[in-house]
Amino acid sequence: MKRIFFVCLALVSSSFLFAQPGAVGKIPGRTQFYAELGGAGILFSANIDTRFAKSSLGWGGRVGLGFVTADEVTVISGNYNYELRSVVTIPAQVNYVFGKGDSPHTFEVGAGVTYVGKKLEIFNFYDDKTSNVFGTASFMYRRQPLKGGFTWRIGFTPLVAKGYIQPSGGVSVGYSF
């Protein structure tokens, strides 16, 4: 009898509950998914980028999965042997997006690392003593719609390895939501 009473009470009280029309605190344009040619992924990568605060501007981070094709160097009897290989890259960066809250035009500055699945000669950065990790930076113009949608970026994305800075660039297209 108590069970029937509580079921009826739940059904009657549920008729007085109202759902909210939209997600509470959802900020459009705060998260982006994009494909990048060049950039921190070195050759190609697919990335997700999000802001740490409830805004499309400010501090955030990105992580991706990509690939690069480069020479694998082996030394056999003093002779260098080069073989073309494709390996996975994993770029990760912390970045800051500057801009005005009412404008889709923004500028991104970031720094991070890219892990390369195997030691390869990328931009002539090869040394037996180095690791598979490259330092990365990004100085990118970003076009991100205020309410989400198609987004793109283009800019300067240098790689750092063995004490050298290799100038590079990147371009990406994606979707902001």
C-alpha atoms as a PDB file:
ATOM      1  CA  MET A   1       0.000   0.000   0.000  1.00  0.00           C
ATOM      2  CA  LYS A   2       2.842   2.405   0.871  1.00  0.00           C
ATOM      3  CA  ARG A   3       4.537   1.577  -2.439  1.00  0.00           C
ATOM      4  CA  ILE A   4       1.397   2.495  -4.445  1.00  0.00           C
ATOM      5  CA  PHE A   5       1.048   5.725  -2.467  1.00  0.00           C
ATOM      6  CA  PHE A   6       4.675   6.787  -3.195  1.00  0.00           C
ATOM      7  CA  VAL A   7       4.358   5.900  -6.895  1.00  0.00           C
ATOM      8  CA  CYS A   8       1.190   7.995  -7.174  1.00  0.00           C
ATOM      9  CA  LEU A   9       2.858  10.853  -5.248  1.00  0.00           C
ATOM     10  CA  ALA A  10       5.877  10.729  -7.576  1.00  0.00           C
ATOM     11  CA  LEU A  11       3.674  10.791 -10.691  1.00  0.00           C
ATOM     12  CA  VAL A  12       1.578  13.694  -9.437  1.00  0.00           C
ATOM     13  CA  SER A  13       4.577  15.759  -8.256  1.00  0.00           C
ATOM     14  CA  SER A  14       6.471  15.136 -11.496  1.00  0.00           C
ATOM     15  CA  SER A  15       3.736  16.973 -13.386  1.00  0.00           C
ATOM     16  CA  PHE A  16       4.812  20.173 -11.564  1.00  0.00           C
ATOM     17  CA  LEU A  17       8.491  19.910 -12.607  1.00  0.00           C
ATOM     18  CA  PHE A  18       9.765  21.983 -15.488  1.00  0.00           C
ATOM     19  CA  ALA A  19      12.885  21.412 -17.543  1.00  0.00           C
ATOM     20  CA  GLN A  20      15.137  24.324 -18.355  1.00  0.00           C
ATOM     21  CA  PRO A  21      15.073  25.409 -21.999  1.00  0.00           C
ATOM     22  CA  GLY A  22      18.882  25.247 -22.468  1.00  0.00           C
ATOM     23  CA  ALA A  23      21.957  23.919 -20.769  1.00  0.00           C
ATOM     24  CA  VAL A  24      22.838  25.906 -17.666  1.00  0.00           C
ATOM     25  CA  GLY A  25      26.078  27.833 -18.102  1.00  0.00           C
ATOM     26  CA  LYS A  26      26.701  26.576 -21.651  1.00  0.00           C
ATOM     27  CA  ILE A  27      28.993  28.953 -23.486  1.00  0.00           C
ATOM     28  CA  PRO A  28      28.904  28.520 -27.292  1.00  0.00           C
ATOM     29  CA  GLY A  29      32.328  28.509 -28.917  1.00  0.00           C
ATOM     30  CA  ARG A  30      34.127  27.324 -25.791  1.00  0.00           C
ATOM     31  CA  THR A  31      35.149  23.968 -27.324  1.00  0.00           C
ATOM     32  CA  GLN A  32      36.517  23.360 -30.801  1.00  0.00           C
ATOM     33  CA  PHE A  33      37.289  20.285 -32.845  1.00  0.00           C
ATOM     34  CA  TYR A  34      39.557  20.854 -35.826  1.00  0.00           C
ATOM     35  CA  ALA A  35      41.888  19.254 -38.353  1.00  0.00           C
ATOM     36  CA  GLU A  36      45.282  20.882 -38.642  1.00  0.00           C
ATOM     37  CA  LEU A  37      47.843  20.776 -41.423  1.00  0.00           C
ATOM     38  CA  GLY A  38      51.310  21.548 -40.072  1.00  0.00           C
ATOM     39  CA  GLY A  39      51.269  23.081 -36.620  1.00  0.00           C
ATOM     40  CA  ALA A  40      51.996  21.209 -33.409  1.00  0.00           C
ATOM     41  CA  GLY A  41      51.067  17.854 -34.992  1.00  0.00           C
ATOM     42  CA  ILE A  42      54.022  18.443 -37.375  1.00  0.00           C
ATOM     43  CA  LEU A  43      52.311  17.120 -40.544  1.00  0.00           C
ATOM     44  CA  PHE A  44      48.602  16.467 -39.837  1.00  0.00           C
ATOM     45  CA  SER A  45      46.509  16.141 -36.666  1.00  0.00           C
ATOM     46  CA  ALA A  46      42.930  16.122 -35.400  1.00  0.00           C
ATOM     47  CA  ASN A  47      42.537  18.150 -32.198  1.00  0.00           C
ATOM     48  CA  ILE A  48      40.103  19.114 -29.487  1.00  0.00           C
ATOM     49  CA  ASP A  49      40.577  22.518 -27.865  1.00  0.00           C
ATOM     50  CA  THR A  50      38.672  23.826 -24.858  1.00  0.00           C
ATOM     51  CA  ARG A  51      38.757  26.797 -22.499  1.00  0.00           C
ATOM     52  CA  PHE A  52      39.288  26.227 -18.769  1.00  0.00           C
ATOM     53  CA  ALA A  53      36.790  28.956 -17.788  1.00  0.00           C
ATOM     54  CA  LYS A  54      33.220  29.557 -18.961  1.00  0.00           C
ATOM     55  CA  SER A  55      34.294  31.770 -21.839  1.00  0.00           C
ATOM     56  CA  SER A  56      35.505  31.427 -25.412  1.00  0.00           C
ATOM     57  CA  LEU A  57      38.536  33.545 -24.431  1.00  0.00           C
ATOM     58  CA  GLY A  58      41.311  33.061 -21.877  1.00  0.00           C
ATOM     59  CA  TRP A  59      43.299  30.029 -20.741  1.00  0.00           C
ATOM     60  CA  GLY A  60      42.688  26.674 -22.354  1.00  0.00           C
ATOM     61  CA  GLY A  61      44.328  23.602 -23.728  1.00  0.00           C
ATOM     62  CA  ARG A  62      44.384  21.278 -26.678  1.00  0.00           C
ATOM     63  CA  VAL A  63      45.280  17.693 -27.322  1.00  0.00           C
ATOM     64  CA  GLY A  64      45.333  15.808 -30.586  1.00  0.00           C
ATOM     65  CA  LEU A  65      46.267  12.736 -32.547  1.00  0.00           C
ATOM     66  CA  GLY A  66      48.125  12.925 -35.813  1.00  0.00           C
ATOM     67  CA  PHE A  67      50.842  11.505 -37.989  1.00  0.00           C
ATOM     68  CA  VAL A  68      54.065  12.504 -39.642  1.00  0.00           C
ATOM     69  CA  THR A  69      56.050  10.948 -42.484  1.00  0.00           C
ATOM     70  CA  ALA A  70      59.831  11.287 -42.234  1.00  0.00           C
ATOM     71  CA  ASP A  71      63.123   9.414 -42.562  1.00  0.00           C
ATOM     72  CA  GLU A  72      64.148   6.740 -40.070  1.00  0.00           C
ATOM     73  CA  VAL A  73      67.921   6.653 -39.857  1.00  0.00           C
ATOM     74  CA  THR A  74      69.852   3.430 -39.189  1.00  0.00           C
ATOM     75  CA  VAL A  75      73.605   3.074 -39.217  1.00  0.00           C
ATOM     76  CA  ILE A  76      74.929  -0.217 -40.621  1.00  0.00           C
ATOM     77  CA  SER A  77      78.713  -0.674 -40.736  1.00  0.00           C
ATOM     78  CA  GLY A  78      79.265   3.084 -40.768  1.00  0.00           C
ATOM     79  CA  ASN A  79      76.764   3.645 -43.577  1.00  0.00           C
ATOM     80  CA  TYR A  80      73.621   5.668 -43.029  1.00  0.00           C
ATOM     81  CA  ASN A  81      70.423   4.047 -44.243  1.00  0.00           C
ATOM     82  CA  TYR A  82      67.290   6.207 -44.615  1.00  0.00           C
ATOM     83  CA  GLU A  83      63.803   4.691 -44.812  1.00  0.00           C
ATOM     84  CA  LEU A  84      60.590   6.674 -45.116  1.00  0.00           C
ATOM     85  CA  ARG A  85      58.244   5.954 -42.185  1.00  0.00           C
ATOM     86  CA  SER A  86      54.888   7.255 -40.962  1.00  0.00           C
ATOM     87  CA  VAL A  87      54.335   7.408 -37.217  1.00  0.00           C
ATOM     88  CA  VAL A  88      51.755   8.713 -34.767  1.00  0.00           C
ATOM     89  CA  THR A  89      52.127  12.137 -33.150  1.00  0.00           C
ATOM     90  CA  ILE A  90      50.373  13.370 -30.021  1.00  0.00           C
ATOM     91  CA  PRO A  91      50.399  17.172 -29.683  1.00  0.00           C
ATOM     92  CA  ALA A  92      49.408  18.788 -26.367  1.00  0.00           C
ATOM     93  CA  GLN A  93      49.473  22.501 -25.590  1.00  0.00           C
ATOM     94  CA  VAL A  94      48.319  25.064 -23.071  1.00  0.00           C
ATOM     95  CA  ASN A  95      47.197  28.263 -24.770  1.00  0.00           C
ATOM     96  CA  TYR A  96      45.669  31.656 -24.146  1.00  0.00           C
ATOM     97  CA  VAL A  97      43.130  33.217 -26.525  1.00  0.00           C
ATOM     98  CA  PHE A  98      43.068  37.034 -26.651  1.00  0.00           C
ATOM     99  CA  GLY A  99      40.182  39.020 -28.065  1.00  0.00           C
ATOM    100  CA  LYS A 100      37.081  41.071 -27.402  1.00  0.00           C
ATOM    101  CA  GLY A 101      34.028  39.246 -26.100  1.00  0.00           C
ATOM    102  CA  ASP A 102      31.826  40.577 -28.905  1.00  0.00           C
ATOM    103  CA  SER A 103      34.192  39.837 -31.822  1.00  0.00           C
ATOM    104  CA  PRO A 104      34.917  36.572 -33.686  1.00  0.00           C
ATOM    105  CA  HIS A 105      38.516  37.718 -34.346  1.00  0.00           C
ATOM    106  CA  THR A 106      40.954  36.344 -31.764  1.00  0.00           C
ATOM    107  CA  PHE A 107      44.661  35.617 -31.334  1.00  0.00           C
ATOM    108  CA  GLU A 108      46.065  32.466 -29.744  1.00  0.00           C
ATOM    109  CA  VAL A 109      49.446  32.105 -28.024  1.00  0.00           C
ATOM    110  CA  GLY A 110      50.409  28.643 -26.800  1.00  0.00           C
ATOM    111  CA  ALA A 111      53.231  26.323 -25.800  1.00  0.00           C
ATOM    112  CA  GLY A 112      53.482  22.589 -25.337  1.00  0.00           C
ATOM    113  CA  VAL A 113      55.017  19.342 -26.499  1.00  0.00           C
ATOM    114  CA  THR A 114      54.482  16.848 -29.285  1.00  0.00           C
ATOM    115  CA  TYR A 115      55.307  13.198 -28.755  1.00  0.00           C
ATOM    116  CA  VAL A 116      56.451  11.345 -31.891  1.00  0.00           C
ATOM    117  CA  GLY A 117      55.957   7.561 -31.818  1.00  0.00           C
ATOM    118  CA  LYS A 118      59.473   6.801 -33.074  1.00  0.00           C
ATOM    119  CA  LYS A 119      62.778   8.628 -33.457  1.00  0.00           C
ATOM    120  CA  LEU A 120      62.736  10.084 -36.954  1.00  0.00           C
ATOM    121  CA  GLU A 121      64.722  12.723 -38.768  1.00  0.00           C
ATOM    122  CA  ILE A 122      62.167  15.522 -38.845  1.00  0.00           C
ATOM    123  CA  PHE A 123      63.528  18.826 -40.188  1.00  0.00           C
ATOM    124  CA  ASN A 124      66.998  17.319 -39.677  1.00  0.00           C
ATOM    125  CA  PHE A 125      66.372  17.079 -35.924  1.00  0.00           C
ATOM    126  CA  TYR A 126      67.912  13.688 -35.242  1.00  0.00           C
ATOM    127  CA  ASP A 127      70.341  12.715 -32.534  1.00  0.00           C
ATOM    128  CA  ASP A 128      70.821   9.411 -30.719  1.00  0.00           C
ATOM    129  CA  LYS A 129      70.743  11.267 -27.384  1.00  0.00           C
ATOM    130  CA  THR A 130      67.416  13.069 -27.912  1.00  0.00           C
ATOM    131  CA  SER A 131      63.948  11.806 -27.108  1.00  0.00           C
ATOM    132  CA  ASN A 132      60.819  11.541 -29.229  1.00  0.00           C
ATOM    133  CA  VAL A 133      59.468  14.804 -27.793  1.00  0.00           C
ATOM    134  CA  PHE A 134      59.490  18.189 -29.548  1.00  0.00           C
ATOM    135  CA  GLY A 135      58.758  21.526 -27.921  1.00  0.00           C
ATOM    136  CA  THR A 136      56.031  23.470 -29.708  1.00  0.00           C
ATOM    137  CA  ALA A 137      54.633  26.982 -29.735  1.00  0.00           C
ATOM    138  CA  SER A 138      51.711  28.615 -31.513  1.00  0.00           C
ATOM    139  CA  PHE A 139      51.006  32.184 -32.561  1.00  0.00           C
ATOM    140  CA  MET A 140      47.727  31.891 -34.446  1.00  0.00           C
ATOM    141  CA  TYR A 141      44.981  34.137 -35.787  1.00  0.00           C
ATOM    142  CA  ARG A 142      41.713  32.423 -34.884  1.00  0.00           C
ATOM    143  CA  ARG A 143      38.318  33.075 -36.442  1.00  0.00           C
ATOM    144  CA  GLN A 144      35.743  31.659 -34.042  1.00  0.00           C
ATOM    145  CA  PRO A 145      32.044  32.527 -34.333  1.00  0.00           C
ATOM    146  CA  LEU A 146      30.429  33.867 -31.180  1.00  0.00           C
ATOM    147  CA  LYS A 147      27.656  31.264 -31.163  1.00  0.00           C
ATOM    148  CA  GLY A 148      29.644  28.307 -32.491  1.00  0.00           C
ATOM    149  CA  GLY A 149      29.954  26.952 -36.001  1.00  0.00           C
ATOM    150  CA  PHE A 150      32.682  26.798 -38.646  1.00  0.00           C
ATOM    151  CA  THR A 151      36.052  28.005 -37.346  1.00  0.00           C
ATOM    152  CA  TRP A 152      39.535  28.339 -38.769  1.00  0.00           C
ATOM    153  CA  ARG A 153      43.063  29.260 -37.663  1.00  0.00           C
ATOM    154  CA  ILE A 154      46.321  30.169 -39.389  1.00  0.00           C
ATOM    155  CA  GLY A 155      49.692  31.123 -37.991  1.00  0.00           C
ATOM    156  CA  PHE A 156      53.307  30.570 -36.975  1.00  0.00           C
ATOM    157  CA  THR A 157      54.018  27.297 -35.121  1.00  0.00           C
ATOM    158  CA  PRO A 158      57.748  26.767 -34.490  1.00  0.00           C
ATOM    159  CA  LEU A 159      59.204  23.443 -33.319  1.00  0.00           C
ATOM    160  CA  VAL A 160      62.017  23.298 -30.764  1.00  0.00           C
ATOM    161  CA  ALA A 161      64.556  20.464 -30.565  1.00  0.00           C
ATOM    162  CA  LYS A 162      68.269  20.085 -29.810  1.00  0.00           C
ATOM    163  CA  GLY A 163      68.496  23.757 -28.890  1.00  0.00           C
ATOM    164  CA  TYR A 164      67.282  24.879 -32.322  1.00  0.00           C
ATOM    165  CA  ILE A 165      64.054  26.535 -33.343  1.00  0.00           C
ATOM    166  CA  GLN A 166      62.594  25.326 -36.632  1.00  0.00           C
ATOM    167  CA  PRO A 167      60.195  27.887 -38.144  1.00  0.00           C
ATOM    168  CA  SER A 168      56.959  26.277 -39.237  1.00  0.00           C
ATOM    169  CA  GLY A 169      53.364  27.191 -39.924  1.00  0.00           C
ATOM    170  CA  GLY A 170      49.939  25.701 -39.496  1.00  0.00           C
ATOM    171  CA  VAL A 171      46.433  26.020 -40.817  1.00  0.00           C
ATOM    172  CA  SER A 172      43.312  24.385 -39.411  1.00  0.00           C
ATOM    173  CA  VAL A 173      39.593  24.182 -40.045  1.00  0.00           C
ATOM    174  CA  GLY A 174      36.954  22.850 -37.719  1.00  0.00           C
ATOM    175  CA  TYR A 175      33.775  23.321 -35.749  1.00  0.00           C
ATOM    176  CA  SER A 176      33.211  25.346 -32.599  1.00  0.00           C
ATOM    177  CA  PHE A 177      30.493  24.316 -30.165  1.00  0.00           C
END
